[in-house]
Amino acid sequence: MNDDTKARARKSAICNREVLCEAYDYPSKVSFSRGMRVELEGAVMLFISGTASVDEHGRTVHPYEFPAQTRRVFANIAGLLASEGADWHDVVRTTCYLTDFRNYDTFNAVRNAFYEEHHLEPLPASTCVQAVLCRPELLVEIEAIAVIPATRRR
C-alpha cells in the first residue's frame, strides 16, 4: 500500500459551547459532533449536524412552540458558523426536518424573514422533509453545509 491511499482531508469538530453543549455531554451519551470542519485545498467545508431548539446545556428551548423553535435553530446554527469565522452567507445547502408538514407555511415564513433580515442572496439550496425527531417536544431541526475560503480565520 502506498502513502497516497492513506491521505485524508484534514478535519476537526466544530464547537461553540456558549451556544450548544456537545452531544456526548448529554446525560445519555449521544455519539456525534455538532459539526465537522473539512479542510481542502483552497476551501473549507463546514458540515453542521441536525440542530434543534436546545440550549448550551442540551435542554429543549421553547417546547412545542414552532415559530420560536425555528428562530432558535437559526440562531444556534449561526453560533456554530461564527465559531469557524463563517455566517449564513457562507451556507450553500440546508436540509430541514419538520415533525408535521402542516407547519411548513409557518416554517417558510420564519425562514424567509430570517434570510431577508440577513440579506441572503443567493439563497441556499434546500430540502425540507417530514420526520420524527429525537424528542417529542422538538418540532424542527436543520442541518447545513457551508463553504469558506481556506484563508479565512476562525
Protein backbone atom coordinates (compact mmCIF):
# COMPACT_ATOMS: atom_id res chain seq x y z
CA MET A 1 0.00 0.00 0.00
CA ASN A 2 1.47 3.39 -0.95
CA ASP A 3 1.13 6.59 1.09
CA ASP A 4 -1.48 8.04 -1.29
CA THR A 5 -4.08 5.55 -0.10
CA LYS A 6 -3.62 6.84 3.46
CA ALA A 7 -4.05 10.53 2.54
CA ARG A 8 -7.06 12.14 4.13
CA ALA A 9 -8.54 15.61 4.21
CA ARG A 10 -7.80 17.40 7.47
CA LYS A 11 -10.89 17.57 9.66
CA SER A 12 -11.85 18.86 13.09
CA ALA A 13 -15.02 19.12 15.16
CA ILE A 14 -16.98 22.38 15.20
CA CYS A 15 -17.82 23.51 18.71
CA ASN A 16 -19.31 26.60 20.36
CA ARG A 17 -20.11 25.75 23.98
CA GLU A 18 -21.62 29.20 24.54
CA VAL A 19 -24.42 28.18 22.19
CA LEU A 20 -24.63 24.38 22.36
CA CYS A 21 -23.12 21.65 24.50
CA GLU A 22 -21.61 18.67 22.79
CA ALA A 23 -23.92 15.72 22.29
CA TYR A 24 -21.58 13.45 24.23
CA ASP A 25 -22.11 15.74 27.26
CA TYR A 26 -25.80 14.79 27.43
CA PRO A 27 -26.83 12.63 30.42
CA SER A 28 -27.40 9.79 27.95
CA LYS A 29 -24.35 9.89 25.70
CA VAL A 30 -25.02 10.55 22.03
CA SER A 31 -22.11 9.97 19.65
CA PHE A 32 -21.87 12.75 17.09
CA SER A 33 -20.17 16.12 16.62
CA ARG A 34 -22.20 19.32 16.33
CA GLY A 35 -20.40 19.85 13.07
CA MET A 36 -17.30 18.98 11.12
CA ARG A 37 -14.72 21.28 9.51
CA VAL A 38 -13.09 19.69 6.46
CA GLU A 39 -10.06 21.47 5.02
CA LEU A 40 -9.48 21.15 1.28
CA GLU A 41 -7.02 22.90 -0.97
CA GLY A 42 -8.29 26.47 -1.24
CA ALA A 43 -11.54 25.92 0.65
CA VAL A 44 -13.03 24.70 3.91
CA MET A 45 -16.35 22.93 4.10
CA LEU A 46 -18.44 23.11 7.27
CA PHE A 47 -20.98 20.35 7.86
CA ILE A 48 -23.41 21.34 10.63
CA SER A 49 -25.27 18.38 12.16
CA GLY A 50 -29.02 18.46 12.56
CA THR A 51 -29.58 21.28 15.05
CA ALA A 52 -32.73 21.77 17.11
CA SER A 53 -34.03 24.27 19.65
CA VAL A 54 -31.71 23.38 22.53
CA ASP A 55 -29.52 25.47 24.80
CA GLU A 56 -25.90 25.26 25.88
CA HIS A 57 -26.87 22.60 28.46
CA GLY A 58 -28.74 20.41 25.98
CA ARG A 59 -32.16 21.41 27.33
CA THR A 60 -35.07 22.00 24.98
CA VAL A 61 -35.84 25.68 24.44
CA HIS A 62 -39.43 26.72 23.53
CA PRO A 63 -41.03 23.24 23.80
CA TYR A 64 -43.88 22.77 21.31
CA GLU A 65 -43.61 26.43 20.12
CA PHE A 66 -42.92 26.05 16.42
CA PRO A 67 -42.03 29.64 15.33
CA ALA A 68 -39.84 30.23 18.40
CA GLN A 69 -38.08 26.88 17.91
CA THR A 70 -37.39 27.71 14.28
CA ARG A 71 -35.83 31.05 15.20
CA ARG A 72 -33.70 29.35 17.88
CA VAL A 73 -32.47 26.76 15.38
CA PHE A 74 -31.30 29.50 13.01
CA ALA A 75 -29.57 31.26 15.93
CA ASN A 76 -27.89 28.02 17.07
CA ILE A 77 -26.55 27.36 13.59
CA ALA A 78 -25.37 30.98 13.36
CA GLY A 79 -23.39 30.43 16.59
CA LEU A 80 -21.77 27.28 15.24
CA LEU A 81 -20.88 29.03 11.98
CA ALA A 82 -19.44 32.01 13.89
CA SER A 83 -17.10 29.71 15.81
CA GLU A 84 -15.46 28.93 12.45
CA GLY A 85 -15.41 32.52 11.16
CA ALA A 86 -18.44 31.89 8.95
CA ASP A 87 -22.02 33.12 8.78
CA TRP A 88 -25.23 32.37 6.92
CA HIS A 89 -23.84 33.99 3.74
CA ASP A 90 -21.47 31.01 3.52
CA VAL A 91 -24.25 28.39 3.73
CA VAL A 92 -24.77 26.62 0.41
CA ARG A 93 -27.27 23.95 1.48
CA THR A 94 -29.74 23.14 4.24
CA THR A 95 -31.82 20.09 5.00
CA CYS A 96 -34.85 20.92 7.12
CA TYR A 97 -36.83 18.41 9.15
CA LEU A 98 -40.37 19.19 10.36
CA THR A 99 -42.35 16.84 12.58
CA ASP A 100 -45.58 17.93 10.91
CA PHE A 101 -45.66 19.27 7.37
CA ARG A 102 -48.74 21.31 8.27
CA ASN A 103 -46.16 23.67 9.84
CA TYR A 104 -44.41 24.22 6.51
CA ASP A 105 -46.03 27.61 5.78
CA THR A 106 -45.05 28.88 9.23
CA PHE A 107 -41.54 27.46 8.79
CA ASN A 108 -41.20 29.12 5.41
CA ALA A 109 -42.40 32.47 6.79
CA VAL A 110 -39.84 32.37 9.63
CA ARG A 111 -37.08 31.22 7.24
CA ASN A 112 -37.95 33.92 4.69
CA ALA A 113 -37.88 36.60 7.42
CA PHE A 114 -34.51 35.34 8.70
CA TYR A 115 -32.99 35.23 5.21
CA GLU A 116 -34.35 38.72 4.40
CA GLU A 117 -33.03 40.10 7.71
CA HIS A 118 -29.57 38.77 6.82
CA HIS A 119 -29.82 39.84 3.14
CA LEU A 120 -29.00 36.37 1.85
CA GLU A 121 -28.60 36.26 -1.91
CA PRO A 122 -28.49 33.77 -3.45
CA LEU A 123 -30.47 31.60 -1.11
CA PRO A 124 -29.03 28.24 -0.03
CA ALA A 125 -30.16 25.10 -1.82
CA SER A 126 -32.57 23.28 0.47
CA THR A 127 -34.64 20.18 1.05
CA CYS A 128 -37.47 20.01 3.58
CA VAL A 129 -38.92 16.72 4.80
CA GLN A 130 -41.27 15.48 7.49
CA ALA A 131 -39.52 13.39 10.14
CA VAL A 132 -39.72 12.11 13.70
CA LEU A 133 -37.17 13.92 15.88
CA CYS A 134 -35.29 12.69 18.94
CA ARG A 135 -37.59 14.42 21.49
CA PRO A 136 -41.36 14.77 21.20
CA GLU A 137 -41.33 18.48 22.15
CA LEU A 138 -38.91 19.34 19.33
CA LEU A 139 -40.71 20.29 16.14
CA VAL A 140 -37.96 21.42 13.74
CA GLU A 141 -34.32 20.54 13.06
CA ILE A 142 -31.96 21.88 10.40
CA GLU A 143 -28.59 20.75 9.13
CA ALA A 144 -26.37 22.96 6.99
CA ILE A 145 -23.35 22.90 4.73
CA ALA A 146 -21.17 26.00 4.33
CA VAL A 147 -18.10 26.69 2.20
CA ILE A 148 -15.48 29.28 3.13
CA PRO A 149 -12.06 30.21 1.74
CA ALA A 150 -9.21 28.28 3.37
CA THR A 151 -7.56 31.59 4.25
CA ARG A 152 -10.44 32.78 6.44
CA ARG A 153 -9.56 32.91 10.12
CA ARG A 154 -11.67 31.27 12.79
